[in-house]
Structures are given as structure tokens and as C-alpha cells.
Amino acid sequence: MTDNSYEDPFTQDADFSLTVDEADAGKRLDAVLAAHMDALSRNRIQSLIKAGDVTVGGEKIVEPKYRVNEGDALTLILPEPEDPEPKGEDIPISVVFEDEHLIVIDKPAGLVVHPGAGNWTGTLVNALIHHCGDSLSGIGGVKRPGIVHRIDKDTSGLLVVAKTDQAHQGLAAQFADHGKTGPLERAYSALVWGAPSSLKGTIDANLARSQANRQKIAVVKTSGRHAITHWQVKERFGSADEPALASLMECRLETGRTHQIRVHMAHIGHPLIGDNDYGSGFKTKINRLEEPLKSTVQDFDRQALHAGLLAFEHPASGDTLRFESPYPADFAKLLSALQKF
């Protein structure tokens, strides 16, 4: 699915069938299905196989790595759709600003923005429905009422949500424009491994779903979606033995793609600390650190990314609203430990 699609793969009303050809013979069952089903991720397909929803020649196969043969008839039986309408839940949220048109939230790390596969409850949308009642805009679809933009589950920081359709349209236009003609600003603080040789720069690299892992995003030379990130080094951390251990960087988005900052930083060799998806190669670096920094980094269980600045034009009044969020406790603790290194 594309980043801004509201289509839910679970709403398909037909099962999927496929006859294995010579090119797919000998490949894993999950890999073959994933290659022919754009609407479902490989992880989701693996879950369906394990649940007994896939047959090969009429026989249930529950092992994703099962090797298929030429001529095998594969059938995936799609489950019944989940309840499409999320319910309100009394989940605490930090409200930075609210009026009859919109609400600005300081989202904690660990909170998913909207319901989806594996997260049908306990999301920010569920919390907003409880907090705002029926006032949320419905343009985003039943699973994403009022949601104009997103930040990852394990990214903390500021998020604006529309409460009326008029506000949603006005905010969506600003985000689509990426601040080129208006006051929209989005700035993130990131703690990354290493230190760039220059103090600032721009990454212009298209992004697309990884062919190796559909749950991840990758830089691509052709096709993909245009993505631009402007970065600036705010502070460098190191010692005599390791002068370029890590850096505090500010990243500003000119586009808003899934995992954009995380992938772009890894692309230039400076992945975010704590990012197991795009910075796993730096895990050995942690083992070489001295205490207490070593324990602090090991205990930091998310990517070190905080959406600390959000500015936009109020869609009703025309005023420019600007909000800043302080570092959350875990980010501040990690930053302090690096500063003492």
C-alpha cells in the first residue's frame, strides 16, 4: 500500500488463487504469495499461512517456508473484515492546543496513530474519538478520522488532527504543499551514529518499499516517491578514542514519506540510534562503549527521533500557529549520556 492510501487490504471480498509457474517453482510459499499480492505485506501473509488460511492443492500448509512446485494450486482464504469503525478508548493524551477546528497532540513514543493490522485498538485515533466525540473530521476514512499526517509508532512529538472537514482540507493542502508557499514547518531532533564531515546538507533520494522486506523502505535510483530531507548538525559527541561517536541533528522535511528520516539518515551512513530496522549494523558499536553510556544506549528501545517543531496556518483564522515540544525523558537521558561521553 502507498503511504497515503486509506485502502484496507482486509476489506477485499474475494479469495486469492494462483497456479505456480516455472519461474516460482522451488520458492518459499510466503515469498510467492507476497510477490503476487501487492495489498498484503509478507508478514501478514506469513500470519495467514500460520493460521491455516492458505492451501496448496487443497491441503492446508501452515509453514511459510514451504517450497512450492510448478503446477501447485495456491489459495489464500481472506478472513472476514475487522470492524471498520474504531471505538473511543480512555487513553491519556497530551493536548498542546485545541479549539473547535483542530487539536494538536504531543504523542508519546509507543502510541500507534491509527488502527491497522495488529493494532485495532489502543491507538491515538481511539483516544481522539473518546476525547473529541463526534467532532472529528471524517475525510481521512473511518479508521483515520481527522488524521492529516502521521509519525511512526516509536517516534515521539507533535501531531495536528482536524476536527472539521474544512480544517482537514485546509491542513491537508498545506502538508501537500510541504511549506513551499506557506508557514508549514516540521523539524525533528535525531540522535544518530557518527558525525557527518559537514555541518549541514540535503538528501534528495527517492523512496519505495524494499524488495527484500516489504515492511521496510529503501532508497531507489528509479521510480519510487520523491523525498527530500534537510539536515543540520547541532552537536557532536566523542572522545579521544572515538571522536565521532554520535551527533544530535535537526532534520526538516520537504516531503513526508514513510520512514523518510530514518531511511535517509541510514543512506548517508548515520542511522538513528536505537533504530533496529535501519541501523542494526551498529549494534556491535554499543558493546564497545563504556558504562554508563553503554547501558543507557542498550535501554533506549526505539529510534532516537522526536518531532519537536510544528508550525502551520490555522485553516479557519489564517493565523500562524507554532508549537515546540521538549525532549521526552528517554531522549533527554540518552542525550545527556552522550554529552558526558
Protein backbone atom coordinates (compact mmCIF):
# COMPACT_ATOMS: atom_id res chain seq x y z
CA MET A 1 0.00 0.00 0.00
CA THR A 2 1.18 3.53 -0.64
CA ASP A 3 1.88 5.91 2.21
CA ASN A 4 -1.27 7.97 1.82
CA SER A 5 -3.73 5.23 0.88
CA TYR A 6 -6.67 4.57 3.13
CA GLU A 7 -7.49 1.24 1.50
CA ASP A 8 -7.59 -1.64 3.95
CA PRO A 9 -6.44 -4.97 2.48
CA PHE A 10 -8.80 -6.82 4.82
CA THR A 11 -11.84 -5.40 3.04
CA GLN A 12 -11.23 -7.43 -0.10
CA ASP A 13 -14.27 -9.57 -0.85
CA ALA A 14 -12.64 -12.38 -2.84
CA ASP A 15 -10.12 -15.09 -2.03
CA PHE A 16 -6.83 -15.23 -3.92
CA SER A 17 -5.80 -18.15 -6.12
CA LEU A 18 -2.62 -18.77 -8.06
CA THR A 19 -1.07 -21.61 -10.05
CA VAL A 20 2.69 -21.82 -9.59
CA ASP A 21 4.61 -21.38 -12.83
CA GLU A 22 8.15 -22.44 -13.69
CA ALA A 23 9.64 -19.13 -12.53
CA ASP A 24 8.25 -19.52 -9.00
CA ALA A 25 8.89 -23.26 -8.62
CA GLY A 26 11.09 -24.07 -5.63
CA LYS A 27 10.46 -20.75 -3.90
CA ARG A 28 9.01 -20.26 -0.43
CA LEU A 29 5.24 -20.21 -0.16
CA ASP A 30 5.15 -16.83 1.61
CA ALA A 31 7.54 -15.28 -0.92
CA VAL A 32 5.46 -16.40 -3.90
CA LEU A 33 2.22 -15.10 -2.42
CA ALA A 34 3.83 -11.79 -1.42
CA ALA A 35 5.22 -11.31 -4.93
CA HIS A 36 1.74 -11.66 -6.44
CA MET A 37 -0.30 -9.81 -3.77
CA ASP A 38 0.58 -6.13 -3.53
CA ALA A 39 -2.19 -5.41 -1.00
CA LEU A 40 -0.77 -7.65 1.74
CA SER A 41 2.64 -7.45 3.39
CA ARG A 42 4.82 -10.54 3.61
CA ASN A 43 4.46 -10.51 7.41
CA ARG A 44 0.68 -10.51 7.08
CA ILE A 45 0.82 -13.36 4.56
CA GLN A 46 3.03 -15.35 6.95
CA SER A 47 0.43 -14.85 9.70
CA LEU A 48 -2.35 -16.06 7.40
CA ILE A 49 -0.35 -19.15 6.46
CA LYS A 50 0.29 -19.99 10.11
CA ALA A 51 -3.42 -19.50 10.84
CA GLY A 52 -4.30 -22.15 8.26
CA ASP A 53 -5.75 -19.75 5.69
CA VAL A 54 -3.57 -20.99 2.80
CA THR A 55 -3.93 -24.25 0.92
CA VAL A 56 -1.66 -25.92 -1.62
CA GLY A 57 -3.52 -28.34 -3.84
CA GLY A 58 -6.42 -28.23 -1.42
CA GLU A 59 -4.24 -29.11 1.59
CA LYS A 60 -3.65 -26.61 4.38
CA ILE A 61 0.01 -25.58 4.70
CA VAL A 62 0.96 -23.77 7.92
CA GLU A 63 4.68 -23.38 7.27
CA PRO A 64 5.62 -20.10 5.46
CA LYS A 65 8.94 -21.55 4.22
CA TYR A 66 7.23 -24.48 2.47
CA ARG A 67 8.72 -24.85 -1.02
CA VAL A 68 6.16 -24.83 -3.83
CA ASN A 69 6.29 -26.85 -7.05
CA GLU A 70 5.35 -25.96 -10.60
CA GLY A 71 1.65 -26.52 -11.13
CA ASP A 72 0.71 -26.23 -7.44
CA ALA A 73 -2.67 -24.54 -6.94
CA LEU A 74 -2.32 -21.97 -4.16
CA THR A 75 -5.37 -20.48 -2.44
CA LEU A 76 -5.39 -17.84 0.26
CA ILE A 77 -8.70 -17.53 2.08
CA LEU A 78 -9.03 -13.93 3.25
CA PRO A 79 -10.53 -13.56 6.73
CA GLU A 80 -13.73 -11.68 7.43
CA PRO A 81 -13.19 -7.91 7.64
CA GLU A 82 -12.47 -6.42 11.02
CA ASP A 83 -14.95 -3.94 12.44
CA PRO A 84 -14.21 -0.90 10.23
CA GLU A 85 -15.28 1.65 12.80
CA PRO A 86 -12.84 2.26 15.66
CA LYS A 87 -14.26 2.84 19.12
CA GLY A 88 -13.32 5.51 21.61
CA GLU A 89 -10.97 4.47 24.40
CA ASP A 90 -9.97 6.36 27.52
CA ILE A 91 -6.28 6.63 26.66
CA PRO A 92 -4.40 9.61 28.18
CA ILE A 93 -3.16 12.11 25.59
CA SER A 94 -1.14 15.30 25.95
CA VAL A 95 -3.13 18.14 24.35
CA VAL A 96 -0.96 21.11 23.38
CA PHE A 97 -3.69 23.14 21.71
CA GLU A 98 -7.36 22.65 20.93
CA ASP A 99 -10.26 24.66 19.53
CA GLU A 100 -13.39 23.78 17.59
CA HIS A 101 -11.38 23.29 14.38
CA LEU A 102 -8.35 21.23 15.32
CA ILE A 103 -6.32 19.64 18.08
CA VAL A 104 -2.52 19.42 18.47
CA ILE A 105 -1.18 16.38 20.33
CA ASP A 106 2.26 15.70 21.80
CA LYS A 107 2.37 11.97 21.02
CA PRO A 108 4.44 9.71 23.26
CA ALA A 109 6.67 7.05 21.75
CA GLY A 110 4.93 3.69 21.55
CA LEU A 111 1.50 5.02 20.62
CA VAL A 112 0.28 3.97 17.16
CA VAL A 113 -1.51 6.79 15.31
CA HIS A 114 -4.36 4.85 13.69
CA PRO A 115 -5.82 1.33 13.72
CA GLY A 116 -4.36 -1.21 11.35
CA ALA A 117 -3.19 -4.79 11.12
CA GLY A 118 -2.10 -5.89 14.59
CA ASN A 119 -3.23 -2.61 16.18
CA TRP A 120 -7.02 -2.46 16.02
CA THR A 121 -7.27 -0.83 19.47
CA GLY A 122 -5.12 1.30 21.74
CA THR A 123 -4.27 3.89 19.08
CA LEU A 124 -4.28 7.67 19.01
CA VAL A 125 -7.45 7.55 16.90
CA ASN A 126 -9.19 5.55 19.62
CA ALA A 127 -8.05 8.13 22.18
CA LEU A 128 -9.20 11.04 20.00
CA ILE A 129 -12.64 9.54 19.43
CA HIS A 130 -13.05 9.31 23.21
CA HIS A 131 -11.71 12.84 23.75
CA CYS A 132 -13.43 14.62 20.85
CA GLY A 133 -16.59 12.60 20.41
CA ASP A 134 -18.28 13.09 17.06
CA SER A 135 -16.42 16.28 16.17
CA LEU A 136 -13.52 14.64 14.27
CA SER A 137 -13.32 15.10 10.51
CA GLY A 138 -14.25 12.02 8.50
CA ILE A 139 -12.24 12.78 5.38
CA GLY A 140 -9.41 10.51 6.47
CA GLY A 141 -11.68 7.46 6.38
CA VAL A 142 -13.30 5.57 9.20
CA LYS A 143 -10.00 4.26 10.51
CA ARG A 144 -8.28 7.63 10.39
CA PRO A 145 -10.79 10.33 11.33
CA GLY A 146 -9.12 13.72 11.24
CA ILE A 147 -5.63 12.35 10.59
CA VAL A 148 -3.77 14.73 8.28
CA HIS A 149 -0.23 13.42 8.79
CA ARG A 150 1.45 10.67 10.77
CA ILE A 151 4.56 9.94 12.78
CA ASP A 152 5.86 6.44 13.45
CA LYS A 153 4.72 4.48 16.48
CA ASP A 154 8.13 4.80 18.14
CA THR A 155 8.69 8.45 17.19
CA SER A 156 7.58 10.99 19.76
CA GLY A 157 6.34 14.51 19.18
CA LEU A 158 3.79 16.87 17.67
CA LEU A 159 0.83 15.95 15.53
CA VAL A 160 -2.13 18.06 14.36
CA VAL A 161 -5.56 16.48 13.88
CA ALA A 162 -8.56 18.08 12.14
CA LYS A 163 -11.90 18.26 13.92
CA THR A 164 -13.90 19.53 10.94
CA ASP A 165 -13.86 18.72 7.22
CA GLN A 166 -12.98 22.36 6.46
CA ALA A 167 -9.96 22.20 8.75
CA HIS A 168 -8.94 18.86 7.28
CA GLN A 169 -9.00 20.24 3.74
CA GLY A 170 -7.02 23.33 4.74
CA LEU A 171 -4.38 21.37 6.66
CA ALA A 172 -4.09 18.68 4.00
CA ALA A 173 -3.41 21.34 1.36
CA GLN A 174 -0.58 22.76 3.48
CA PHE A 175 1.02 19.36 4.02
CA ALA A 176 0.71 18.59 0.31
CA ASP A 177 2.47 21.88 -0.43
CA HIS A 178 5.27 20.97 2.02
CA GLY A 179 5.59 24.56 3.19
CA LYS A 180 6.71 25.89 -0.19
CA THR A 181 4.16 28.73 -0.22
CA GLY A 182 3.02 28.85 3.41
CA PRO A 183 4.23 28.75 7.01
CA LEU A 184 4.20 24.95 7.40
CA GLU A 185 7.31 23.74 9.25
CA ARG A 186 8.23 20.32 10.57
CA ALA A 187 11.52 19.82 12.39
CA TYR A 188 12.75 16.67 14.07
CA SER A 189 15.59 16.09 16.53
CA ALA A 190 17.57 12.94 15.80
CA LEU A 191 20.43 11.25 17.63
CA VAL A 192 22.49 9.41 15.03
CA TRP A 193 25.60 7.28 14.95
CA GLY A 194 28.73 9.00 13.72
CA ALA A 195 29.34 12.59 12.65
CA PRO A 196 28.94 13.94 9.10
CA SER A 197 32.01 15.71 7.74
CA SER A 198 29.97 18.85 7.03
CA LEU A 199 27.59 20.69 9.35
CA LYS A 200 24.56 20.66 7.07
CA GLY A 201 23.26 19.14 3.90
CA THR A 202 20.30 17.91 1.88
CA ILE A 203 19.35 14.37 0.98
CA ASP A 204 17.39 14.04 -2.25
CA ALA A 205 16.72 10.34 -2.72
CA ASN A 206 13.56 8.56 -3.86
CA LEU A 207 11.97 6.02 -1.54
CA ALA A 208 9.97 2.85 -2.18
CA ARG A 209 9.01 -0.38 -0.48
CA SER A 210 12.05 -2.63 -0.08
CA GLN A 211 12.01 -5.59 -2.43
CA ALA A 212 13.79 -7.65 0.21
CA ASN A 213 11.40 -6.78 3.05
CA ARG A 214 8.06 -5.14 2.29
CA GLN A 215 7.81 -3.85 5.86
CA LYS A 216 10.81 -1.62 5.22
CA ILE A 217 11.51 1.35 2.96
CA ALA A 218 14.57 1.65 0.76
CA VAL A 219 16.30 4.30 -1.35
CA VAL A 220 15.78 3.60 -5.06
CA LYS A 221 17.52 5.06 -8.09
CA THR A 222 14.48 4.96 -10.35
CA SER A 223 10.73 5.21 -9.69
CA GLY A 224 9.68 5.40 -6.04
CA ARG A 225 8.46 8.59 -4.42
CA HIS A 226 10.41 11.84 -4.38
CA ALA A 227 11.82 12.52 -0.90
CA ILE A 228 13.93 15.43 0.38
CA THR A 229 15.36 15.86 3.89
CA HIS A 230 17.39 18.87 5.02
CA TRP A 231 19.70 18.19 7.96
CA GLN A 232 21.94 20.22 10.24
CA VAL A 233 24.37 19.05 12.92
CA LYS A 234 23.55 20.66 16.27
CA GLU A 235 26.09 18.86 18.44
CA ARG A 236 28.78 16.21 18.06
CA PHE A 237 29.77 13.66 20.69
CA GLY A 238 33.04 11.80 21.05
CA SER A 239 36.25 11.22 22.93
CA ALA A 240 39.92 10.96 22.18
CA ASP A 241 39.49 7.29 21.35
CA GLU A 242 36.31 7.80 19.31
CA PRO A 243 35.98 11.44 18.22
CA ALA A 244 32.93 10.90 16.02
CA LEU A 245 30.75 8.63 18.13
CA ALA A 246 27.39 10.28 17.53
CA SER A 247 25.61 13.52 16.65
CA LEU A 248 22.48 15.46 17.52
CA MET A 249 20.90 16.56 14.25
CA GLU A 250 17.91 18.62 13.23
CA CYS A 251 16.04 17.26 10.24
CA ARG A 252 13.48 19.27 8.30
CA LEU A 253 11.14 17.59 5.86
CA GLU A 254 10.44 18.95 2.41
CA THR A 255 8.40 15.83 1.73
CA GLY A 256 6.69 13.47 4.14
CA ARG A 257 7.29 9.82 3.26
CA THR A 258 7.05 6.73 5.42
CA HIS A 259 10.25 6.30 7.47
CA GLN A 260 11.82 9.15 5.48
CA ILE A 261 14.27 10.50 8.06
CA ARG A 262 15.21 7.03 9.28
CA VAL A 263 15.99 5.75 5.78
CA HIS A 264 17.70 8.93 4.61
CA MET A 265 19.99 9.06 7.66
CA ALA A 266 20.94 5.42 7.18
CA HIS A 267 21.53 6.13 3.49
CA ILE A 268 24.26 8.66 4.29
CA GLY A 269 25.84 6.33 6.85
CA HIS A 270 24.38 7.86 10.01
CA PRO A 271 21.41 5.75 11.13
CA LEU A 272 19.39 6.74 14.16
CA ILE A 273 20.47 5.32 17.49
CA GLY A 274 18.02 2.62 18.53
CA ASP A 275 16.71 2.00 15.02
CA ASN A 276 16.72 -1.78 14.71
CA ASP A 277 15.25 -1.68 11.20
CA TYR A 278 17.76 0.63 9.54
CA GLY A 279 20.68 0.76 11.96
CA SER A 280 21.12 -2.84 13.10
CA GLY A 281 24.65 -2.90 11.74
CA PHE A 282 25.72 -0.53 14.52
CA LYS A 283 24.75 -2.90 17.36
CA THR A 284 28.37 -4.06 17.73
CA LYS A 285 29.34 -0.44 18.35
CA ILE A 286 27.27 -0.44 21.55
CA ASN A 287 29.30 -3.30 23.01
CA ARG A 288 32.46 -1.20 22.76
CA LEU A 289 31.00 1.65 24.80
CA GLU A 290 31.92 2.21 28.43
CA GLU A 291 29.42 2.40 31.26
CA PRO A 292 27.13 4.16 31.99
CA LEU A 293 26.68 5.15 28.33
CA LYS A 294 26.57 1.51 27.23
CA SER A 295 23.60 0.70 29.48
CA THR A 296 21.79 3.91 28.54
CA VAL A 297 22.05 3.12 24.83
CA GLN A 298 21.03 -0.51 25.37
CA ASP A 299 17.99 0.59 27.38
CA PHE A 300 16.85 3.01 24.67
CA ASP A 301 14.35 0.78 22.91
CA ARG A 302 13.20 2.92 19.98
CA GLN A 303 14.65 5.09 17.22
CA ALA A 304 16.00 8.35 18.66
CA LEU A 305 13.66 10.66 16.77
CA HIS A 306 11.46 13.43 18.18
CA ALA A 307 9.09 15.69 16.22
CA GLY A 308 9.84 18.79 18.23
CA LEU A 309 8.60 21.62 15.98
CA LEU A 310 5.33 22.02 14.12
CA ALA A 311 4.05 25.22 12.56
CA PHE A 312 1.14 25.80 10.19
CA GLU A 313 -1.55 28.28 9.19
CA HIS A 314 -4.78 27.87 11.10
CA PRO A 315 -7.25 26.78 8.39
CA ALA A 316 -10.06 28.98 9.78
CA SER A 317 -8.42 32.10 11.24
CA GLY A 318 -5.39 32.30 8.96
CA ASP A 319 -3.09 32.81 11.96
CA THR A 320 0.27 31.07 12.03
CA LEU A 321 0.43 28.60 14.88
CA ARG A 322 3.83 27.38 16.06
CA PHE A 323 4.41 24.67 18.65
CA GLU A 324 7.54 23.22 20.22
CA SER A 325 7.79 20.05 22.25
CA PRO A 326 10.57 19.42 24.79
CA TYR A 327 12.56 16.23 24.60
CA PRO A 328 10.77 13.31 26.29
CA ALA A 329 12.52 11.78 29.30
CA ASP A 330 14.13 8.85 27.46
CA PHE A 331 15.51 11.06 24.67
CA ALA A 332 16.81 13.61 27.20
CA LYS A 333 18.52 10.86 29.20
CA LEU A 334 20.25 9.49 26.12
CA LEU A 335 21.33 12.97 25.02
CA SER A 336 22.75 13.71 28.49
CA ALA A 337 24.71 10.45 28.50
CA LEU A 338 26.22 11.25 25.09
CA GLN A 339 27.14 14.76 26.22
CA LYS A 340 29.10 13.25 29.13
CA PHE A 341 30.96 10.79 26.91
